[in-house]
Amino acid sequence: MNSTLVFFIILCITSIGICLADNDNLQDACPTDLTAKEAVFINGFPCKKPSSIAAADFKVSNLKQAGDTDNFLLSSVNIVSAADFPGLNTLGLSIARTDLDLDGMVMPHSHPRATELLFLRKGIVLAGFIDTNNTLFQSLIKEGDVFLFPKGMLHFCLNAGYETAIAFSVMSSQNPGTVSISGAIFETDKESKERITRRLISTGATNMTNFSRIHIQ
């Protein structure tokens, strides 16, 4: 075998190994430096200098207070990303708080860059998602339960109890993104919200003919 070809193969294998090794962080932590001026556009945020990192970078209090549910959906979702919580930078995580007043609902939406784990802190919530086979998966979750929304899947949740509901989420991206179809497909008024709610809480397959299959727990 030609020595040049052998050298090229070894170089390719080594390069692939180096690229794979760089998937993990190259430092212990990389808190966001919002004061840095970017000379080039980067995929994420600039890091603070190690000497300026402080314990405050790893604490956030944004989710302590309930969100404003004074809207026709009677719900509030507050997502905290690396832009708000410096310690999340480069770790591939973001967090969120969802507040649902009585009859509150988070309209169907998706996060194109993240899987979401929803932990119910208080109340009773109907949570679900629709996969690419148009199959509906939904479950009635109670305090202490966790429900998973796979990456990119259209999902929703609504208050199915008789008190306010509170949920906290962890998402597998520091910038999960949100694609909401409510404005494009659903009329954003109280009547349309009530129609969607009645349809989602119905457990009869005959009332959900648009879905190819339905899995309910």
N, C-alpha and C. Protein backbone atom coordinates (compact mmCIF):
# COMPACT_ATOMS: atom_id res chain seq x y z
N MET A 1 0.85 -1.19 0.00
CA MET A 1 0.00 0.00 0.00
C MET A 1 0.89 1.25 0.00
N ASN A 2 0.51 2.21 -0.79
CA ASN A 2 1.26 3.44 -0.90
C ASN A 2 1.37 4.12 0.46
N SER A 3 2.62 4.55 0.82
CA SER A 3 2.85 5.16 2.13
C SER A 3 2.04 6.44 2.32
N THR A 4 1.82 7.19 1.23
CA THR A 4 1.02 8.42 1.32
C THR A 4 -0.42 8.10 1.70
N LEU A 5 -0.96 7.02 1.11
CA LEU A 5 -2.34 6.60 1.40
C LEU A 5 -2.46 6.17 2.86
N VAL A 6 -1.47 5.41 3.34
CA VAL A 6 -1.48 4.96 4.73
C VAL A 6 -1.47 6.17 5.67
N PHE A 7 -0.60 7.13 5.36
CA PHE A 7 -0.52 8.34 6.18
C PHE A 7 -1.85 9.09 6.19
N PHE A 8 -2.50 9.16 5.01
CA PHE A 8 -3.78 9.86 4.91
C PHE A 8 -4.85 9.18 5.76
N ILE A 9 -4.91 7.85 5.74
CA ILE A 9 -5.90 7.10 6.51
C ILE A 9 -5.68 7.32 8.01
N ILE A 10 -4.40 7.25 8.42
CA ILE A 10 -4.09 7.47 9.84
C ILE A 10 -4.48 8.88 10.27
N LEU A 11 -4.22 9.86 9.40
CA LEU A 11 -4.55 11.24 9.70
C LEU A 11 -6.05 11.41 9.85
N CYS A 12 -6.84 10.77 8.98
CA CYS A 12 -8.30 10.87 9.05
C CYS A 12 -8.83 10.27 10.34
N ILE A 13 -8.32 9.08 10.70
CA ILE A 13 -8.77 8.40 11.92
C ILE A 13 -8.45 9.25 13.15
N THR A 14 -7.24 9.82 13.16
CA THR A 14 -6.83 10.67 14.29
C THR A 14 -7.71 11.91 14.39
N SER A 15 -8.00 12.51 13.23
CA SER A 15 -8.82 13.72 13.21
C SER A 15 -10.23 13.45 13.72
N ILE A 16 -10.80 12.31 13.31
CA ILE A 16 -12.14 11.94 13.76
C ILE A 16 -12.14 11.75 15.27
N GLY A 17 -11.10 11.09 15.79
CA GLY A 17 -11.00 10.87 17.24
C GLY A 17 -10.91 12.17 18.00
N ILE A 18 -10.16 13.13 17.47
CA ILE A 18 -10.03 14.43 18.12
C ILE A 18 -11.36 15.17 18.12
N CYS A 19 -12.07 15.12 17.00
CA CYS A 19 -13.37 15.80 16.91
C CYS A 19 -14.37 15.22 17.89
N LEU A 20 -14.38 13.88 18.00
CA LEU A 20 -15.29 13.24 18.93
C LEU A 20 -14.94 13.59 20.37
N ALA A 21 -13.65 13.69 20.65
CA ALA A 21 -13.23 13.99 22.02
C ALA A 21 -13.62 15.39 22.43
N ASP A 22 -13.80 16.30 21.45
CA ASP A 22 -14.12 17.69 21.76
C ASP A 22 -15.61 17.92 21.99
N ASN A 23 -16.43 16.86 21.98
CA ASN A 23 -17.85 17.04 22.21
C ASN A 23 -18.14 17.50 23.63
N ASP A 24 -17.33 17.08 24.59
CA ASP A 24 -17.54 17.47 25.97
C ASP A 24 -16.87 18.82 26.24
N ASN A 25 -17.22 19.41 27.40
CA ASN A 25 -16.62 20.69 27.77
C ASN A 25 -15.10 20.56 27.91
N LEU A 26 -14.42 21.63 27.58
CA LEU A 26 -12.97 21.67 27.70
C LEU A 26 -12.53 22.33 28.99
N GLN A 27 -13.51 22.74 29.82
CA GLN A 27 -13.21 23.33 31.11
C GLN A 27 -14.31 22.93 32.09
N ASP A 28 -14.09 23.18 33.38
CA ASP A 28 -15.09 22.78 34.38
C ASP A 28 -16.41 23.50 34.18
N ALA A 29 -16.36 24.77 33.93
CA ALA A 29 -17.56 25.58 33.73
C ALA A 29 -17.25 26.73 32.80
N CYS A 30 -18.31 27.27 32.18
CA CYS A 30 -18.12 28.34 31.19
C CYS A 30 -19.29 29.31 31.26
N PRO A 31 -19.49 29.99 32.41
CA PRO A 31 -20.63 30.90 32.56
C PRO A 31 -20.67 31.97 31.46
N THR A 32 -21.88 32.32 31.08
CA THR A 32 -22.08 33.32 30.03
C THR A 32 -21.51 34.68 30.41
N ASP A 33 -20.79 35.28 29.48
CA ASP A 33 -20.30 36.65 29.66
C ASP A 33 -21.09 37.55 28.72
N LEU A 34 -22.15 38.17 29.24
CA LEU A 34 -23.02 39.00 28.41
C LEU A 34 -22.40 40.35 28.08
N THR A 35 -21.29 40.67 28.73
CA THR A 35 -20.63 41.95 28.46
C THR A 35 -19.59 41.86 27.36
N ALA A 36 -19.26 40.62 26.97
CA ALA A 36 -18.22 40.44 25.95
C ALA A 36 -18.72 40.90 24.58
N LYS A 37 -17.84 41.52 23.83
CA LYS A 37 -18.15 41.92 22.47
C LYS A 37 -17.67 40.84 21.51
N GLU A 38 -18.63 40.29 20.76
CA GLU A 38 -18.29 39.19 19.86
C GLU A 38 -17.69 39.73 18.57
N ALA A 39 -16.49 39.27 18.27
CA ALA A 39 -15.86 39.65 17.01
C ALA A 39 -16.41 38.82 15.86
N VAL A 40 -16.83 37.58 16.18
CA VAL A 40 -17.45 36.70 15.19
C VAL A 40 -18.70 36.11 15.82
N PHE A 41 -19.64 35.64 15.00
CA PHE A 41 -20.86 35.01 15.50
C PHE A 41 -20.53 33.57 15.90
N ILE A 42 -20.87 33.22 17.14
CA ILE A 42 -20.57 31.87 17.63
C ILE A 42 -21.86 31.15 18.00
N ASN A 43 -21.77 29.83 18.07
CA ASN A 43 -22.91 29.00 18.40
C ASN A 43 -23.03 28.89 19.92
N GLY A 44 -23.62 29.91 20.54
CA GLY A 44 -23.72 29.95 21.99
C GLY A 44 -23.35 31.32 22.50
N PHE A 45 -22.78 31.37 23.69
CA PHE A 45 -22.38 32.64 24.29
C PHE A 45 -20.90 32.61 24.65
N PRO A 46 -20.26 33.77 24.66
CA PRO A 46 -18.86 33.83 25.12
C PRO A 46 -18.78 33.43 26.59
N CYS A 47 -17.62 32.92 26.99
CA CYS A 47 -17.42 32.49 28.38
C CYS A 47 -16.71 33.59 29.18
N LYS A 48 -17.00 33.61 30.46
CA LYS A 48 -16.25 34.48 31.35
C LYS A 48 -14.83 33.99 31.50
N LYS A 49 -13.95 34.89 31.85
CA LYS A 49 -12.60 34.47 32.20
C LYS A 49 -12.66 33.65 33.49
N PRO A 50 -11.93 32.56 33.58
CA PRO A 50 -11.97 31.72 34.79
C PRO A 50 -11.78 32.50 36.09
N SER A 51 -10.98 33.54 36.04
CA SER A 51 -10.71 34.32 37.26
C SER A 51 -11.91 35.15 37.71
N SER A 52 -12.88 35.37 36.80
CA SER A 52 -14.04 36.19 37.16
C SER A 52 -15.29 35.37 37.46
N ILE A 53 -15.20 34.05 37.39
CA ILE A 53 -16.34 33.18 37.69
C ILE A 53 -16.63 33.21 39.19
N ALA A 54 -17.92 33.34 39.55
CA ALA A 54 -18.32 33.41 40.95
C ALA A 54 -19.48 32.46 41.22
N ALA A 55 -19.73 32.20 42.50
CA ALA A 55 -20.82 31.29 42.88
C ALA A 55 -22.17 31.79 42.37
N ALA A 56 -22.32 33.11 42.25
CA ALA A 56 -23.58 33.68 41.77
C ALA A 56 -23.92 33.25 40.35
N ASP A 57 -22.92 32.85 39.58
CA ASP A 57 -23.16 32.40 38.21
C ASP A 57 -23.94 31.09 38.16
N PHE A 58 -23.96 30.36 39.27
CA PHE A 58 -24.57 29.03 39.30
C PHE A 58 -25.87 29.01 40.12
N LYS A 59 -26.42 30.19 40.38
CA LYS A 59 -27.68 30.30 41.10
C LYS A 59 -28.63 31.22 40.34
N VAL A 60 -29.91 30.85 40.33
CA VAL A 60 -30.92 31.69 39.68
C VAL A 60 -32.18 31.68 40.54
N SER A 61 -32.86 32.81 40.59
CA SER A 61 -34.09 32.92 41.39
C SER A 61 -35.29 33.29 40.53
N ASN A 62 -35.13 33.20 39.22
CA ASN A 62 -36.19 33.62 38.29
C ASN A 62 -37.47 32.80 38.37
N LEU A 63 -37.38 31.59 38.92
CA LEU A 63 -38.53 30.70 38.92
C LEU A 63 -39.24 30.63 40.26
N LYS A 64 -38.87 31.50 41.19
CA LYS A 64 -39.47 31.47 42.52
C LYS A 64 -40.90 31.99 42.49
N GLN A 65 -41.14 33.00 41.67
CA GLN A 65 -42.45 33.64 41.64
C GLN A 65 -43.33 33.07 40.53
N ALA A 66 -44.64 33.02 40.82
CA ALA A 66 -45.60 32.55 39.82
C ALA A 66 -45.65 33.52 38.65
N GLY A 67 -45.88 32.96 37.47
CA GLY A 67 -46.00 33.80 36.28
C GLY A 67 -47.37 34.45 36.20
N ASP A 68 -47.53 35.35 35.26
CA ASP A 68 -48.78 36.07 35.07
C ASP A 68 -49.74 35.22 34.24
N THR A 69 -50.80 34.74 34.85
CA THR A 69 -51.79 33.91 34.15
C THR A 69 -53.03 34.71 33.76
N ASP A 70 -52.92 36.02 33.80
CA ASP A 70 -54.06 36.88 33.45
C ASP A 70 -54.12 37.04 31.94
N ASN A 71 -54.47 35.96 31.26
CA ASN A 71 -54.62 35.96 29.81
C ASN A 71 -55.68 34.92 29.44
N PHE A 72 -56.06 34.85 28.18
CA PHE A 72 -57.18 33.97 27.82
C PHE A 72 -56.82 32.50 27.95
N LEU A 73 -55.51 32.17 27.96
CA LEU A 73 -55.09 30.78 28.16
C LEU A 73 -55.01 30.43 29.64
N LEU A 74 -55.02 31.44 30.50
CA LEU A 74 -54.92 31.23 31.96
C LEU A 74 -53.65 30.46 32.32
N SER A 75 -52.56 30.76 31.62
CA SER A 75 -51.30 30.04 31.84
C SER A 75 -50.11 30.96 31.65
N SER A 76 -48.97 30.50 32.16
CA SER A 76 -47.72 31.24 32.00
C SER A 76 -46.57 30.25 31.93
N VAL A 77 -45.66 30.47 31.00
CA VAL A 77 -44.45 29.65 30.87
C VAL A 77 -43.24 30.57 30.88
N ASN A 78 -42.34 30.34 31.82
CA ASN A 78 -41.13 31.15 31.94
C ASN A 78 -39.92 30.25 31.72
N ILE A 79 -39.26 30.41 30.58
CA ILE A 79 -38.08 29.61 30.24
C ILE A 79 -36.82 30.38 30.61
N VAL A 80 -35.93 29.73 31.35
CA VAL A 80 -34.65 30.34 31.74
C VAL A 80 -33.54 29.63 30.98
N SER A 81 -32.85 30.36 30.14
CA SER A 81 -31.78 29.81 29.31
C SER A 81 -30.43 30.35 29.79
N ALA A 82 -29.39 30.03 29.03
CA ALA A 82 -28.05 30.49 29.38
C ALA A 82 -27.93 32.01 29.33
N ALA A 83 -28.84 32.66 28.62
CA ALA A 83 -28.82 34.12 28.57
C ALA A 83 -29.24 34.72 29.91
N ASP A 84 -30.06 33.98 30.68
CA ASP A 84 -30.54 34.46 31.97
C ASP A 84 -29.81 33.80 33.14
N PHE A 85 -29.26 32.63 32.91
CA PHE A 85 -28.62 31.84 33.96
C PHE A 85 -27.22 31.48 33.45
N PRO A 86 -26.22 32.31 33.72
CA PRO A 86 -24.88 32.15 33.13
C PRO A 86 -24.28 30.76 33.28
N GLY A 87 -24.51 30.11 34.42
CA GLY A 87 -23.90 28.81 34.66
C GLY A 87 -24.33 27.72 33.69
N LEU A 88 -25.45 27.93 32.97
CA LEU A 88 -25.93 26.92 32.02
C LEU A 88 -25.13 26.90 30.73
N ASN A 89 -24.38 27.94 30.47
CA ASN A 89 -23.67 28.05 29.19
C ASN A 89 -22.77 26.84 28.94
N THR A 90 -22.89 26.25 27.77
CA THR A 90 -22.15 25.09 27.25
C THR A 90 -22.58 23.77 27.88
N LEU A 91 -23.52 23.78 28.82
CA LEU A 91 -23.92 22.54 29.49
C LEU A 91 -25.10 21.85 28.82
N GLY A 92 -25.71 22.50 27.83
CA GLY A 92 -26.80 21.87 27.10
C GLY A 92 -28.07 21.71 27.91
N LEU A 93 -28.36 22.67 28.78
CA LEU A 93 -29.55 22.61 29.62
C LEU A 93 -30.24 23.96 29.69
N SER A 94 -31.55 23.93 29.89
CA SER A 94 -32.32 25.11 30.27
C SER A 94 -33.45 24.64 31.15
N ILE A 95 -34.07 25.57 31.88
CA ILE A 95 -35.12 25.21 32.82
C ILE A 95 -36.32 26.11 32.60
N ALA A 96 -37.47 25.69 33.13
CA ALA A 96 -38.68 26.48 32.93
C ALA A 96 -39.67 26.25 34.06
N ARG A 97 -40.53 27.22 34.24
CA ARG A 97 -41.65 27.09 35.18
C ARG A 97 -42.94 27.32 34.41
N THR A 98 -43.93 26.45 34.66
CA THR A 98 -45.25 26.59 34.06
C THR A 98 -46.28 26.76 35.16
N ASP A 99 -47.09 27.79 35.06
CA ASP A 99 -48.20 28.03 35.98
C ASP A 99 -49.51 27.92 35.21
N LEU A 100 -50.42 27.12 35.75
CA LEU A 100 -51.72 26.92 35.13
C LEU A 100 -52.81 27.27 36.12
N ASP A 101 -53.57 28.31 35.82
CA ASP A 101 -54.71 28.64 36.65
C ASP A 101 -55.81 27.61 36.39
N LEU A 102 -56.93 27.69 37.11
CA LEU A 102 -58.03 26.78 36.86
C LEU A 102 -58.44 26.87 35.39
N ASP A 103 -58.53 25.71 34.73
CA ASP A 103 -58.84 25.61 33.30
C ASP A 103 -57.74 26.19 32.42
N GLY A 104 -56.56 26.41 32.98
CA GLY A 104 -55.45 26.93 32.20
C GLY A 104 -54.88 25.90 31.24
N MET A 105 -54.27 26.40 30.16
CA MET A 105 -53.75 25.50 29.13
C MET A 105 -52.51 26.10 28.47
N VAL A 106 -51.53 25.26 28.19
CA VAL A 106 -50.40 25.63 27.34
C VAL A 106 -50.69 25.04 25.97
N MET A 107 -50.89 25.90 25.00
CA MET A 107 -51.28 25.46 23.66
C MET A 107 -50.20 24.59 23.03
N PRO A 108 -50.59 23.72 22.09
CA PRO A 108 -49.62 22.85 21.42
C PRO A 108 -48.45 23.64 20.83
N HIS A 109 -47.24 23.17 21.11
CA HIS A 109 -46.02 23.81 20.63
C HIS A 109 -44.92 22.76 20.64
N SER A 110 -43.76 23.11 20.15
CA SER A 110 -42.62 22.18 20.16
C SER A 110 -41.34 22.94 20.44
N HIS A 111 -40.32 22.18 20.86
CA HIS A 111 -38.98 22.72 21.07
C HIS A 111 -38.06 21.98 20.09
N PRO A 112 -37.67 22.61 18.99
CA PRO A 112 -36.92 21.91 17.94
C PRO A 112 -35.55 21.41 18.37
N ARG A 113 -34.99 21.98 19.44
CA ARG A 113 -33.64 21.59 19.83
C ARG A 113 -33.57 20.88 21.18
N ALA A 114 -34.72 20.49 21.75
CA ALA A 114 -34.66 19.95 23.11
C ALA A 114 -35.75 18.94 23.42
N THR A 115 -35.37 17.94 24.20
CA THR A 115 -36.32 17.08 24.91
C THR A 115 -36.66 17.78 26.22
N GLU A 116 -37.90 17.63 26.66
CA GLU A 116 -38.34 18.29 27.89
C GLU A 116 -38.83 17.28 28.92
N LEU A 117 -38.34 17.39 30.14
CA LEU A 117 -38.85 16.62 31.27
C LEU A 117 -39.67 17.55 32.14
N LEU A 118 -40.96 17.25 32.28
CA LEU A 118 -41.87 18.09 33.05
C LEU A 118 -42.14 17.44 34.41
N PHE A 119 -41.81 18.14 35.49
CA PHE A 119 -42.06 17.66 36.86
C PHE A 119 -43.21 18.47 37.45
N LEU A 120 -44.27 17.77 37.86
CA LEU A 120 -45.43 18.46 38.40
C LEU A 120 -45.26 18.68 39.90
N ARG A 121 -45.17 19.93 40.28
CA ARG A 121 -44.98 20.30 41.69
C ARG A 121 -46.29 20.36 42.46
N LYS A 122 -47.36 20.78 41.77
CA LYS A 122 -48.65 20.94 42.43
C LYS A 122 -49.77 20.79 41.43
N GLY A 123 -50.86 20.14 41.85
CA GLY A 123 -52.05 20.05 41.02
C GLY A 123 -52.18 18.76 40.24
N ILE A 124 -53.11 18.78 39.30
CA ILE A 124 -53.36 17.67 38.39
C ILE A 124 -53.37 18.23 36.97
N VAL A 125 -52.59 17.62 36.10
CA VAL A 125 -52.41 18.15 34.74
C VAL A 125 -52.56 17.04 33.72
N LEU A 126 -53.22 17.34 32.63
CA LEU A 126 -53.25 16.44 31.48
C LEU A 126 -52.13 16.88 30.54
N ALA A 127 -51.15 16.00 30.34
CA ALA A 127 -50.00 16.31 29.49
C ALA A 127 -49.93 15.31 28.35
N GLY A 128 -49.49 15.75 27.20
CA GLY A 128 -49.40 14.84 26.07
C GLY A 128 -48.61 15.40 24.91
N PHE A 129 -48.31 14.52 23.96
CA PHE A 129 -47.61 14.93 22.74
C PHE A 129 -48.09 14.09 21.57
N ILE A 130 -47.83 14.58 20.37
CA ILE A 130 -48.20 13.89 19.13
C ILE A 130 -46.92 13.60 18.36
N ASP A 131 -46.72 12.32 17.99
CA ASP A 131 -45.48 11.96 17.30
C ASP A 131 -45.63 12.11 15.79
N THR A 132 -44.58 11.72 15.06
CA THR A 132 -44.58 11.91 13.61
C THR A 132 -45.49 10.93 12.88
N ASN A 133 -46.01 9.93 13.59
CA ASN A 133 -47.00 9.02 13.02
C ASN A 133 -48.42 9.47 13.34
N ASN A 134 -48.54 10.70 13.85
CA ASN A 134 -49.84 11.26 14.22
C ASN A 134 -50.50 10.46 15.33
N THR A 135 -49.68 9.91 16.23
CA THR A 135 -50.18 9.17 17.38
C THR A 135 -50.16 10.07 18.60
N LEU A 136 -51.25 10.09 19.32
CA LEU A 136 -51.36 10.91 20.51
C LEU A 136 -51.00 10.10 21.75
N PHE A 137 -50.08 10.62 22.55
CA PHE A 137 -49.72 10.03 23.84
C PHE A 137 -50.07 11.05 24.92
N GLN A 138 -50.97 10.71 25.82
CA GLN A 138 -51.32 11.66 26.87
C GLN A 138 -51.56 10.94 28.18
N SER A 139 -51.33 11.66 29.27
CA SER A 139 -51.46 11.05 30.59
C SER A 139 -51.91 12.10 31.59
N LEU A 140 -52.71 11.66 32.55
CA LEU A 140 -53.11 12.52 33.66
C LEU A 140 -52.06 12.39 34.74
N ILE A 141 -51.30 13.46 34.97
CA ILE A 141 -50.21 13.40 35.94
C ILE A 141 -50.58 14.17 37.20
N LYS A 142 -50.07 13.68 38.32
CA LYS A 142 -50.38 14.29 39.62
C LYS A 142 -49.09 14.74 40.28
N GLU A 143 -49.24 15.40 41.42
CA GLU A 143 -48.10 15.97 42.13
C GLU A 143 -46.99 14.94 42.33
N GLY A 144 -45.78 15.29 41.90
CA GLY A 144 -44.63 14.39 42.02
C GLY A 144 -44.36 13.58 40.77
N ASP A 145 -45.30 13.54 39.83
CA ASP A 145 -45.11 12.79 38.59
C ASP A 145 -44.22 13.56 37.62
N VAL A 146 -43.61 12.82 36.71
CA VAL A 146 -42.77 13.40 35.65
C VAL A 146 -43.27 12.90 34.31
N PHE A 147 -43.38 13.79 33.33
CA PHE A 147 -43.79 13.41 31.98
C PHE A 147 -42.74 13.92 31.00
N LEU A 148 -42.47 13.12 29.97
CA LEU A 148 -41.41 13.45 29.01
C LEU A 148 -42.02 13.83 27.66
N PHE A 149 -41.55 14.95 27.12
CA PHE A 149 -41.90 15.38 25.77
C PHE A 149 -40.65 15.20 24.89
N PRO A 150 -40.67 14.24 23.96
CA PRO A 150 -39.49 14.02 23.12
C PRO A 150 -39.14 15.24 22.27
N LYS A 151 -37.90 15.33 21.91
CA LYS A 151 -37.37 16.45 21.14
C LYS A 151 -38.17 16.68 19.86
N GLY A 152 -38.60 17.91 19.67
CA GLY A 152 -39.27 18.31 18.44
C GLY A 152 -40.73 17.91 18.33
N MET A 153 -41.26 17.17 19.31
CA MET A 153 -42.64 16.71 19.22
C MET A 153 -43.61 17.80 19.68
N LEU A 154 -44.73 17.90 18.98
CA LEU A 154 -45.77 18.83 19.36
C LEU A 154 -46.38 18.37 20.69
N HIS A 155 -46.41 19.25 21.70
CA HIS A 155 -46.91 18.84 23.01
C HIS A 155 -47.74 19.95 23.66
N PHE A 156 -48.43 19.57 24.73
CA PHE A 156 -49.36 20.49 25.39
C PHE A 156 -49.53 20.05 26.83
N CYS A 157 -50.14 20.91 27.63
CA CYS A 157 -50.59 20.51 28.96
C CYS A 157 -51.73 21.44 29.38
N LEU A 158 -52.62 20.91 30.20
CA LEU A 158 -53.75 21.70 30.67
C LEU A 158 -54.11 21.28 32.09
N ASN A 159 -54.64 22.22 32.83
CA ASN A 159 -55.02 21.98 34.21
C ASN A 159 -56.30 21.17 34.25
N ALA A 160 -56.21 19.96 34.81
CA ALA A 160 -57.37 19.08 34.88
C ALA A 160 -57.89 18.96 36.31
N GLY A 161 -57.40 19.80 37.21
CA GLY A 161 -57.80 19.72 38.61
C GLY A 161 -58.67 20.88 39.03
N TYR A 162 -58.77 21.08 40.34
CA TYR A 162 -59.63 22.11 40.90
C TYR A 162 -58.83 23.16 41.67
N GLU A 163 -57.54 23.25 41.37
CA GLU A 163 -56.67 24.25 41.97
C GLU A 163 -55.60 24.62 40.95
N THR A 164 -54.85 25.67 41.24
CA THR A 164 -53.77 26.05 40.34
C THR A 164 -52.72 24.93 40.28
N ALA A 165 -52.07 24.81 39.16
CA ALA A 165 -51.04 23.79 38.98
C ALA A 165 -49.71 24.47 38.69
N ILE A 166 -48.64 23.86 39.22
CA ILE A 166 -47.29 24.39 39.03
C ILE A 166 -46.39 23.25 38.56
N ALA A 167 -45.64 23.49 37.51
CA ALA A 167 -44.72 22.48 36.99
C ALA A 167 -43.37 23.12 36.69
N PHE A 168 -42.32 22.32 36.84
CA PHE A 168 -40.97 22.76 36.49
C PHE A 168 -40.42 21.81 35.43
N SER A 169 -39.66 22.36 34.50
CA SER A 169 -39.12 21.56 33.40
C SER A 169 -37.62 21.72 33.28
N VAL A 170 -36.99 20.67 32.80
CA VAL A 170 -35.59 20.71 32.39
C VAL A 170 -35.54 20.32 30.93
N MET A 171 -34.84 21.11 30.11
CA MET A 171 -34.75 20.84 28.67
C MET A 171 -33.30 20.62 28.27
N SER A 172 -33.12 19.76 27.29
CA SER A 172 -31.77 19.31 26.93
C SER A 172 -31.08 20.22 25.92
N SER A 173 -31.26 21.51 26.08
CA SER A 173 -30.56 22.49 25.24
C SER A 173 -30.50 23.80 26.01
N GLN A 174 -29.41 24.52 25.87
CA GLN A 174 -29.33 25.82 26.53
C GLN A 174 -30.14 26.87 25.77
N ASN A 175 -30.61 26.50 24.58
CA ASN A 175 -31.48 27.37 23.80
C ASN A 175 -32.47 26.49 23.04
N PRO A 176 -33.52 25.99 23.74
CA PRO A 176 -34.40 24.98 23.14
C PRO A 176 -35.23 25.48 21.98
N GLY A 177 -35.53 26.78 21.96
CA GLY A 177 -36.41 27.32 20.92
C GLY A 177 -37.85 26.88 21.15
N THR A 178 -38.79 27.67 20.68
CA THR A 178 -40.20 27.34 20.80
C THR A 178 -40.91 27.63 19.49
N VAL A 179 -41.55 26.60 18.94
CA VAL A 179 -42.35 26.77 17.74
C VAL A 179 -43.81 26.59 18.14
N SER A 180 -44.56 27.67 18.08
CA SER A 180 -45.97 27.63 18.46
C SER A 180 -46.84 27.64 17.22
N ILE A 181 -47.76 26.69 17.14
CA ILE A 181 -48.65 26.64 15.98
C ILE A 181 -49.99 27.27 16.29
N SER A 182 -50.17 27.74 17.51
CA SER A 182 -51.48 28.23 17.92
C SER A 182 -51.94 29.41 17.05
N GLY A 183 -51.03 30.33 16.78
CA GLY A 183 -51.41 31.49 16.01
C GLY A 183 -51.69 31.18 14.55
N ALA A 184 -51.03 30.14 14.02
CA ALA A 184 -51.19 29.81 12.60
C ALA A 184 -52.38 28.89 12.34
N ILE A 185 -52.64 27.97 13.28
CA ILE A 185 -53.67 26.96 13.05
C ILE A 185 -54.93 27.21 13.88
N PHE A 186 -54.74 27.65 15.13
CA PHE A 186 -55.87 27.85 16.02
C PHE A 186 -56.18 29.34 16.14
N GLU A 187 -57.46 29.66 16.24
CA GLU A 187 -57.85 31.02 16.55
C GLU A 187 -57.51 31.29 18.01
N THR A 188 -56.78 32.35 18.26
CA THR A 188 -56.34 32.62 19.63
C THR A 188 -57.39 33.44 20.37
N ASP A 189 -58.50 32.76 20.70
CA ASP A 189 -59.52 33.39 21.51
C ASP A 189 -60.02 32.37 22.51
N LYS A 190 -60.84 32.83 23.44
CA LYS A 190 -61.29 31.98 24.53
C LYS A 190 -62.12 30.80 24.04
N GLU A 191 -62.99 31.04 23.05
CA GLU A 191 -63.86 29.97 22.56
C GLU A 191 -63.06 28.85 21.91
N SER A 192 -62.05 29.20 21.09
CA SER A 192 -61.25 28.16 20.44
C SER A 192 -60.45 27.39 21.46
N LYS A 193 -59.94 28.08 22.49
CA LYS A 193 -59.21 27.41 23.56
C LYS A 193 -60.09 26.39 24.27
N GLU A 194 -61.34 26.76 24.52
CA GLU A 194 -62.26 25.85 25.20
C GLU A 194 -62.59 24.64 24.31
N ARG A 195 -62.69 24.85 23.01
CA ARG A 195 -62.95 23.73 22.10
C ARG A 195 -61.79 22.75 22.10
N ILE A 196 -60.56 23.27 22.05
CA ILE A 196 -59.38 22.41 22.06
C ILE A 196 -59.29 21.66 23.38
N THR A 197 -59.57 22.35 24.48
CA THR A 197 -59.52 21.71 25.79
C THR A 197 -60.50 20.57 25.88
N ARG A 198 -61.73 20.78 25.45
CA ARG A 198 -62.75 19.72 25.50
C ARG A 198 -62.32 18.52 24.68
N ARG A 199 -61.68 18.78 23.56
CA ARG A 199 -61.26 17.68 22.69
C ARG A 199 -60.12 16.89 23.32
N LEU A 200 -59.17 17.57 23.94
CA LEU A 200 -58.01 16.89 24.52
C LEU A 200 -58.37 16.07 25.74
N ILE A 201 -59.32 16.55 26.56
CA ILE A 201 -59.65 15.82 27.78
C ILE A 201 -60.61 14.68 27.50
N SER A 202 -61.17 14.63 26.29
CA SER A 202 -62.03 13.51 25.95
C SER A 202 -61.18 12.26 25.75
N THR A 203 -61.58 11.16 26.37
CA THR A 203 -60.82 9.91 26.25
C THR A 203 -61.42 8.97 25.21
N GLY A 204 -62.49 9.40 24.57
CA GLY A 204 -63.11 8.53 23.57
C GLY A 204 -62.46 8.69 22.23
N ALA A 205 -62.03 7.61 21.64
CA ALA A 205 -61.37 7.66 20.34
C ALA A 205 -62.27 8.22 19.27
N THR A 206 -63.58 8.06 19.44
CA THR A 206 -64.51 8.55 18.43
C THR A 206 -64.50 10.07 18.37
N ASN A 207 -64.05 10.71 19.46
CA ASN A 207 -63.98 12.16 19.48
C ASN A 207 -62.63 12.68 19.01
N MET A 208 -61.74 11.78 18.60
CA MET A 208 -60.40 12.19 18.18
C MET A 208 -60.04 11.50 16.87
N THR A 209 -60.90 11.62 15.91
CA THR A 209 -60.74 10.90 14.66
C THR A 209 -59.56 11.38 13.85
N ASN A 210 -58.99 12.54 14.14
CA ASN A 210 -57.85 13.05 13.37
C ASN A 210 -56.54 12.36 13.73
N PHE A 211 -56.51 11.60 14.86
CA PHE A 211 -55.32 10.90 15.26
C PHE A 211 -55.35 9.46 14.75
N SER A 212 -54.19 8.97 14.28
CA SER A 212 -54.15 7.60 13.78
C SER A 212 -54.25 6.59 14.91
N ARG A 213 -53.60 6.88 16.07
CA ARG A 213 -53.68 6.04 17.26
C ARG A 213 -53.65 6.92 18.48
N ILE A 214 -54.16 6.39 19.60
CA ILE A 214 -54.20 7.15 20.83
C ILE A 214 -53.73 6.26 21.96
N HIS A 215 -52.76 6.74 22.74
CA HIS A 215 -52.29 6.04 23.93
C HIS A 215 -52.59 6.92 25.12
N ILE A 216 -53.41 6.43 26.04
CA ILE A 216 -53.81 7.21 27.21
C ILE A 216 -53.52 6.40 28.47
N GLN A 217 -52.93 7.06 29.45
CA GLN A 217 -52.69 6.42 30.74
C GLN A 217 -53.45 7.17 31.82
